[in-house]
N, C-alpha and C. Protein backbone atom coordinates (compact mmCIF):
# COMPACT_ATOMS: atom_id res chain seq x y z
N UNK A 1 -5.27 5.39 -9.67
CA UNK A 1 -5.55 4.34 -9.32
C UNK A 1 -4.95 3.49 -8.68
N UNK A 2 -6.12 2.49 -8.06
CA UNK A 2 -5.82 1.69 -6.98
C UNK A 2 -5.24 0.33 -7.94
N UNK A 3 -4.30 -0.15 -7.65
CA UNK A 3 -3.75 -1.61 -8.03
C UNK A 3 -3.68 -2.43 -6.82
N UNK A 4 -3.94 -3.89 -7.25
CA UNK A 4 -3.46 -4.63 -5.69
C UNK A 4 -1.77 -5.11 -5.85
N UNK A 5 -1.35 -4.71 -4.41
CA UNK A 5 0.12 -4.81 -4.54
C UNK A 5 0.51 -6.04 -4.92
N UNK A 6 1.52 -6.15 -5.68
CA UNK A 6 2.42 -7.45 -6.03
C UNK A 6 3.21 -8.16 -4.90
N UNK A 7 3.19 -7.42 -3.86
CA UNK A 7 3.36 -8.01 -2.85
C UNK A 7 2.50 -8.79 -1.68
N UNK A 8 1.46 -8.80 -2.29
CA UNK A 8 0.31 -9.67 -1.81
C UNK A 8 0.16 -11.37 -1.94
N UNK A 9 -0.07 -11.71 -1.19
CA UNK A 9 -0.17 -13.28 -1.26
C UNK A 9 -1.32 -13.95 -1.73
N UNK A 10 -1.50 -14.72 -2.12
CA UNK A 10 -2.89 -15.66 -2.86
C UNK A 10 -3.97 -15.61 -1.71
N UNK A 11 -3.58 -15.41 -0.57
CA UNK A 11 -4.70 -15.85 0.44
C UNK A 11 -5.34 -14.57 0.59
N UNK A 12 -5.73 -14.32 1.93
CA UNK A 12 -6.48 -13.15 2.40
C UNK A 12 -5.46 -11.71 3.09
N UNK A 13 -4.47 -11.80 2.66
CA UNK A 13 -3.46 -10.94 3.30
C UNK A 13 -2.80 -9.86 1.94
N UNK A 14 -4.11 -9.33 1.00
CA UNK A 14 -3.98 -8.38 0.10
C UNK A 14 -4.34 -6.96 0.44
N UNK A 15 -3.08 -6.08 -0.28
CA UNK A 15 -3.50 -4.66 -0.18
C UNK A 15 -3.57 -4.22 -1.24
N UNK A 16 -4.07 -3.07 -1.40
CA UNK A 16 -4.51 -2.27 -2.91
C UNK A 16 -3.33 -0.67 -2.52
N UNK A 17 -2.82 -0.46 -3.41
CA UNK A 17 -2.14 0.66 -3.31
C UNK A 17 -2.48 1.73 -4.26
N UNK A 18 -2.30 3.14 -4.13
CA UNK A 18 -2.73 4.25 -4.74
C UNK A 18 -1.48 5.17 -5.15
N UNK A 19 -0.61 5.62 -6.00
CA UNK A 19 0.00 6.40 -5.82
C UNK A 19 -0.32 7.87 -6.30
N UNK A 20 0.41 8.95 -5.68
CA UNK A 20 -0.18 10.53 -6.11
C UNK A 20 0.92 11.16 -5.92
N UNK A 21 0.80 12.17 -6.17
CA UNK A 21 2.26 13.28 -6.45
C UNK A 21 2.93 13.38 -4.84
N UNK A 22 1.66 13.40 -4.08
CA UNK A 22 2.05 13.68 -2.83
C UNK A 22 2.07 12.49 -1.91
N UNK A 23 1.48 11.32 -2.02
CA UNK A 23 1.53 10.49 -1.22
C UNK A 23 1.19 9.13 -1.67
N UNK A 24 1.28 7.90 -1.08
CA UNK A 24 1.08 6.77 -1.31
C UNK A 24 0.28 6.05 -0.10
N UNK A 25 -1.02 5.79 -0.67
CA UNK A 25 -2.34 5.43 0.13
C UNK A 25 -2.36 3.92 0.17
N UNK A 26 -2.83 3.37 1.01
CA UNK A 26 -2.83 1.85 0.90
C UNK A 26 -4.23 1.26 2.04
N UNK A 27 -4.79 0.41 1.24
CA UNK A 27 -5.92 -0.21 1.98
C UNK A 27 -6.15 -1.30 1.86
N UNK A 28 -6.90 -2.26 2.63
CA UNK A 28 -6.93 -3.48 2.75
C UNK A 28 -8.19 -3.80 1.55
N UNK A 29 -7.94 -5.11 0.91
CA UNK A 29 -8.69 -5.47 -0.24
C UNK A 29 -10.08 -5.99 0.27
N UNK A 30 -10.00 -6.32 1.34
CA UNK A 30 -11.13 -6.99 1.79
C UNK A 30 -12.41 -6.21 2.22
N UNK A 31 -11.90 -4.81 2.23
CA UNK A 31 -12.93 -3.55 2.94
C UNK A 31 -13.52 -3.26 1.63
N UNK A 32 -13.32 -3.55 0.27
CA UNK A 32 -14.19 -2.92 -0.95
C UNK A 32 -14.24 -1.37 -1.15
N UNK A 33 -12.90 -0.83 -0.37
CA UNK A 33 -12.91 0.68 -0.75
C UNK A 33 -13.59 1.05 0.16
N UNK A 34 -14.34 0.68 1.44
CA UNK A 34 -14.92 1.35 2.45
C UNK A 34 -14.41 1.39 3.92
N UNK A 35 -13.28 0.56 3.69
CA UNK A 35 -12.44 0.55 5.13
C UNK A 35 -11.44 1.96 5.27
N UNK A 36 -10.23 1.99 6.44
CA UNK A 36 -9.74 2.98 6.38
C UNK A 36 -8.53 2.88 5.56
N UNK A 37 -8.07 4.10 5.02
CA UNK A 37 -6.86 4.22 4.09
C UNK A 37 -5.82 4.84 5.15
N UNK A 38 -4.67 3.94 4.75
CA UNK A 38 -3.36 4.82 5.48
C UNK A 38 -2.45 5.42 4.45
N UNK A 39 -1.95 6.64 4.71
CA UNK A 39 -1.64 7.59 3.97
C UNK A 39 -0.21 7.93 4.37
N UNK A 40 0.77 7.64 3.34
CA UNK A 40 2.18 8.12 3.38
C UNK A 40 2.93 9.10 2.56
N UNK A 41 3.21 9.99 3.32
CA UNK A 41 3.83 11.02 2.19
C UNK A 41 4.89 10.25 1.44
N UNK A 42 5.21 11.20 0.06
CA UNK A 42 5.96 10.38 -0.87
C UNK A 42 7.57 9.98 -0.08
N UNK A 43 7.80 10.61 0.42
CA UNK A 43 9.28 10.72 0.65
C UNK A 43 9.58 9.66 1.88
N UNK A 44 8.38 9.36 2.74
CA UNK A 44 8.25 8.56 3.59
C UNK A 44 8.17 6.92 3.26
N UNK A 45 7.54 7.05 1.95
CA UNK A 45 7.20 5.70 1.64
C UNK A 45 8.38 5.27 0.55
N UNK A 46 9.12 6.44 0.12
CA UNK A 46 10.72 6.13 -0.46
C UNK A 46 11.32 5.37 0.41
N UNK A 47 11.81 6.05 1.50
CA UNK A 47 12.48 5.42 2.74
C UNK A 47 11.66 4.12 2.99
N UNK A 48 10.64 3.70 3.08
CA UNK A 48 10.33 2.47 3.74
C UNK A 48 10.60 1.37 2.59
N UNK A 49 10.65 1.99 1.22
CA UNK A 49 10.78 0.86 0.16
C UNK A 49 12.00 0.62 0.04
N UNK A 50 12.90 1.69 0.30
CA UNK A 50 14.72 1.69 0.24
C UNK A 50 15.15 0.81 1.41
N UNK A 51 14.22 0.79 2.37
CA UNK A 51 14.71 0.33 3.70
C UNK A 51 15.03 -1.07 3.52
N UNK A 52 13.95 -1.50 2.63
CA UNK A 52 13.87 -3.32 2.76
C UNK A 52 13.42 -4.06 3.60
N UNK A 53 12.80 -2.78 4.59
CA UNK A 53 12.26 -4.00 5.78
C UNK A 53 10.74 -4.64 5.23
N UNK A 54 10.06 -4.37 4.51
CA UNK A 54 9.00 -4.86 4.01
C UNK A 54 9.46 -6.46 3.49
N UNK A 55 10.76 -6.82 3.25
CA UNK A 55 10.89 -8.06 2.64
C UNK A 55 11.05 -8.86 3.66
N UNK A 56 10.83 -8.61 4.78
CA UNK A 56 10.58 -9.72 6.04
C UNK A 56 9.42 -10.79 5.76
């Protein structure tokens, strides 16, 4: 199930996220599900979240 990321701001910088057993998928909300989807293997997504780099 896709949901809007809690890190999205109130403007046009919004992403939707979908977690599966194997991967996390990320897409731009402005594309209404028709644009590209980024796919991150589960272990890579976990490393990204744990790194804290996204807090910039």
